[in-house]
Amino acid sequence: MADSLTGLAPVLDSRTRILILGSFPGAASLAAQQYYAHPRNALWPILSALTGEDLAGMPYAGRLPRLLAHGIGLWDVLGACEREGSLDSAIRKPAANDFARLRQLCPELHTVGFNGQTSGKFAPQFAAEGYRTVVLPSSSPAHASMSLEAKLVAWRHLVP
């Protein structure tokens, strides 16, 4: 039987201009209560390259304020679900996060990046609200068919 799971709180503030939405935290992230905690997940190295700051080399508690200082936020499209393991394909009973207050919380938000195809299914909803949307290759180690360099080329489209 799949476990009933609750996601992580959003990392955003009134200066957030770019929001990266994943699908739902993996088991390592939920256990650590940290976004992208799996050591082979490429998100932190990618964001280090995009910001020019070694976020991957910092303790997690130091990464978040630095990420926000660059105007980048993190959240997931799903706030809860049932799932065994960490694969998106195992998600059952998905419940979307409430994005109704996003414009109020992040008045400068203009770009929403979707970390992978599962979260990318929400792109039309955000585009309809007037946001620039970019569906990106997943940073997950499960998406290992694409090199870090190739992922980084695609992720550079996130920053206008």
Protein backbone atom coordinates (compact mmCIF):
# COMPACT_ATOMS: atom_id res chain seq x y z
CA MET A 1 0.00 0.00 0.00
CA ALA A 2 1.30 3.45 -0.92
CA ASP A 3 2.11 5.98 1.78
CA SER A 4 0.09 9.19 2.10
CA LEU A 5 2.63 11.99 1.80
CA THR A 6 2.70 15.76 2.25
CA GLY A 7 5.15 17.94 0.31
CA LEU A 8 7.47 20.73 1.41
CA ALA A 9 6.64 24.37 2.09
CA PRO A 10 7.36 26.76 -0.78
CA VAL A 11 10.65 28.67 -0.90
CA LEU A 12 9.65 32.06 -2.28
CA ASP A 13 9.23 35.69 -1.30
CA SER A 14 8.06 39.01 -2.73
CA ARG A 15 11.27 39.30 -4.82
CA THR A 16 10.83 35.93 -6.56
CA ARG A 17 10.98 36.46 -10.33
CA ILE A 18 11.56 32.84 -11.39
CA LEU A 19 9.79 29.89 -9.78
CA ILE A 20 10.97 26.33 -10.33
CA LEU A 21 8.21 23.78 -9.86
CA GLY A 22 9.02 20.12 -9.41
CA SER A 23 6.43 17.38 -9.30
CA PHE A 24 6.68 16.12 -5.72
CA PRO A 25 9.70 15.58 -3.43
CA GLY A 26 11.43 12.22 -3.62
CA ALA A 27 11.95 9.99 -0.59
CA ALA A 28 15.40 11.48 0.20
CA SER A 29 14.01 15.02 0.08
CA LEU A 30 11.02 14.17 2.26
CA ALA A 31 13.25 12.40 4.80
CA ALA A 32 15.63 15.37 4.94
CA GLN A 33 12.83 17.96 4.58
CA GLN A 34 14.99 19.59 1.89
CA TYR A 35 14.31 20.27 -1.77
CA TYR A 36 16.42 18.12 -4.09
CA ALA A 37 18.26 16.32 -1.29
CA HIS A 38 19.24 13.25 -3.33
CA PRO A 39 23.04 13.55 -3.77
CA ARG A 40 22.84 12.71 -7.49
CA ASN A 41 20.08 15.19 -8.28
CA ALA A 42 21.52 17.82 -10.63
CA LEU A 43 19.38 20.77 -9.50
CA TRP A 44 21.89 22.37 -7.14
CA PRO A 45 24.82 22.09 -9.59
CA ILE A 46 22.57 23.52 -12.33
CA LEU A 47 21.46 26.43 -10.14
CA SER A 48 25.08 27.01 -9.13
CA ALA A 49 25.95 27.43 -12.82
CA LEU A 50 22.95 29.69 -13.49
CA THR A 51 23.60 31.98 -10.54
CA GLY A 52 27.40 31.96 -10.63
CA GLU A 53 27.38 31.04 -6.96
CA ASP A 54 28.40 27.67 -5.47
CA LEU A 55 24.99 26.80 -4.03
CA ALA A 56 25.80 23.08 -4.30
CA GLY A 57 28.78 23.56 -1.99
CA MET A 58 26.77 25.31 0.74
CA PRO A 59 24.86 23.75 3.61
CA TYR A 60 21.15 23.55 2.71
CA ALA A 61 20.18 26.28 5.20
CA GLY A 62 22.57 28.65 3.42
CA ARG A 63 21.36 27.78 -0.08
CA LEU A 64 17.80 28.96 0.32
CA PRO A 65 18.45 32.61 1.24
CA ARG A 66 21.07 32.84 -1.52
CA LEU A 67 18.66 31.35 -4.04
CA LEU A 68 15.99 33.86 -3.00
CA ALA A 69 18.56 36.68 -3.29
CA HIS A 70 18.88 35.70 -6.97
CA GLY A 71 15.08 35.98 -7.34
CA ILE A 72 14.59 32.22 -7.71
CA GLY A 73 12.03 30.21 -5.75
CA LEU A 74 11.25 26.49 -5.39
CA TRP A 75 7.99 24.62 -4.97
CA ASP A 76 6.15 21.62 -6.36
CA VAL A 77 2.98 21.31 -8.40
CA LEU A 78 1.68 18.69 -5.96
CA GLY A 79 1.17 19.34 -2.26
CA ALA A 80 0.21 15.79 -1.39
CA CYS A 81 -0.13 12.35 -2.93
CA GLU A 82 0.24 8.66 -2.28
CA ARG A 83 3.41 7.02 -3.55
CA GLU A 84 5.76 4.14 -2.91
CA GLY A 85 9.38 5.07 -3.63
CA SER A 86 10.35 8.24 -5.48
CA LEU A 87 9.24 7.81 -9.09
CA ASP A 88 6.63 10.19 -10.52
CA SER A 89 5.06 7.21 -12.28
CA ALA A 90 4.20 5.78 -8.84
CA ILE A 91 2.18 8.86 -7.77
CA ARG A 92 -1.44 8.11 -6.92
CA LYS A 93 -4.21 10.41 -5.67
CA PRO A 94 -2.31 13.63 -6.55
CA ALA A 95 -3.48 16.88 -4.92
CA ALA A 96 -2.20 20.09 -6.50
CA ASN A 97 -0.80 22.94 -4.44
CA ASP A 98 -2.97 26.04 -4.16
CA PHE A 99 -1.43 28.60 -6.52
CA ALA A 100 -4.28 31.14 -6.16
CA ARG A 101 -2.22 33.49 -3.96
CA LEU A 102 0.97 33.23 -6.04
CA ARG A 103 0.56 36.65 -7.70
CA GLN A 104 -0.02 38.24 -4.30
CA LEU A 105 2.95 36.48 -2.67
CA CYS A 106 5.31 36.99 -5.65
CA PRO A 107 4.29 40.20 -7.45
CA GLU A 108 7.51 40.20 -9.52
CA LEU A 109 7.12 36.60 -10.71
CA HIS A 110 7.31 36.38 -14.50
CA THR A 111 8.77 32.94 -15.32
CA VAL A 112 7.75 29.49 -14.13
CA GLY A 113 10.11 26.63 -14.90
CA PHE A 114 8.89 23.06 -14.68
CA ASN A 115 11.47 20.51 -13.56
CA GLY A 116 10.47 17.58 -15.76
CA GLN A 117 7.50 16.38 -17.78
CA THR A 118 5.24 15.54 -14.82
CA SER A 119 5.29 19.09 -13.46
CA GLY A 120 5.30 20.37 -17.06
CA LYS A 121 1.71 19.19 -17.42
CA PHE A 122 0.80 22.28 -15.36
CA ALA A 123 2.49 24.69 -17.81
CA PRO A 124 -0.72 25.57 -19.71
CA GLN A 125 -2.40 26.59 -16.44
CA PHE A 126 0.42 29.04 -15.66
CA ALA A 127 0.65 30.29 -19.23
CA ALA A 128 -3.07 31.09 -19.08
CA GLU A 129 -2.31 33.29 -16.05
CA GLY A 130 0.20 35.26 -18.13
CA TYR A 131 3.44 33.70 -16.89
CA ARG A 132 6.30 32.76 -19.19
CA THR A 133 6.64 28.97 -18.89
CA VAL A 134 9.62 26.72 -19.60
CA VAL A 135 9.38 22.92 -19.39
CA LEU A 136 12.86 21.67 -18.52
CA PRO A 137 14.57 18.29 -18.54
CA SER A 138 14.29 16.70 -15.11
CA SER A 139 17.22 17.20 -12.75
CA SER A 140 16.43 13.80 -11.22
CA PRO A 141 19.03 11.03 -11.27
CA ALA A 142 16.26 8.88 -12.78
CA HIS A 143 16.64 11.04 -15.93
CA ALA A 144 20.26 10.01 -16.43
CA SER A 145 20.02 9.58 -20.21
CA MET A 146 20.84 13.29 -20.54
CA SER A 147 24.21 14.63 -19.39
CA LEU A 148 24.56 17.45 -16.88
CA GLU A 149 25.99 19.63 -19.66
CA ALA A 150 22.98 19.00 -21.90
CA LYS A 151 20.58 19.68 -19.02
CA LEU A 152 22.40 22.93 -18.28
CA VAL A 153 22.03 24.09 -21.90
CA ALA A 154 18.28 23.57 -21.63
CA TRP A 155 18.03 25.11 -18.16
CA ARG A 156 19.73 28.32 -19.36
CA HIS A 157 16.41 29.08 -21.13
CA LEU A 158 14.96 29.65 -17.67
CA VAL A 159 16.83 32.92 -17.25
CA PRO A 160 15.53 35.48 -19.78
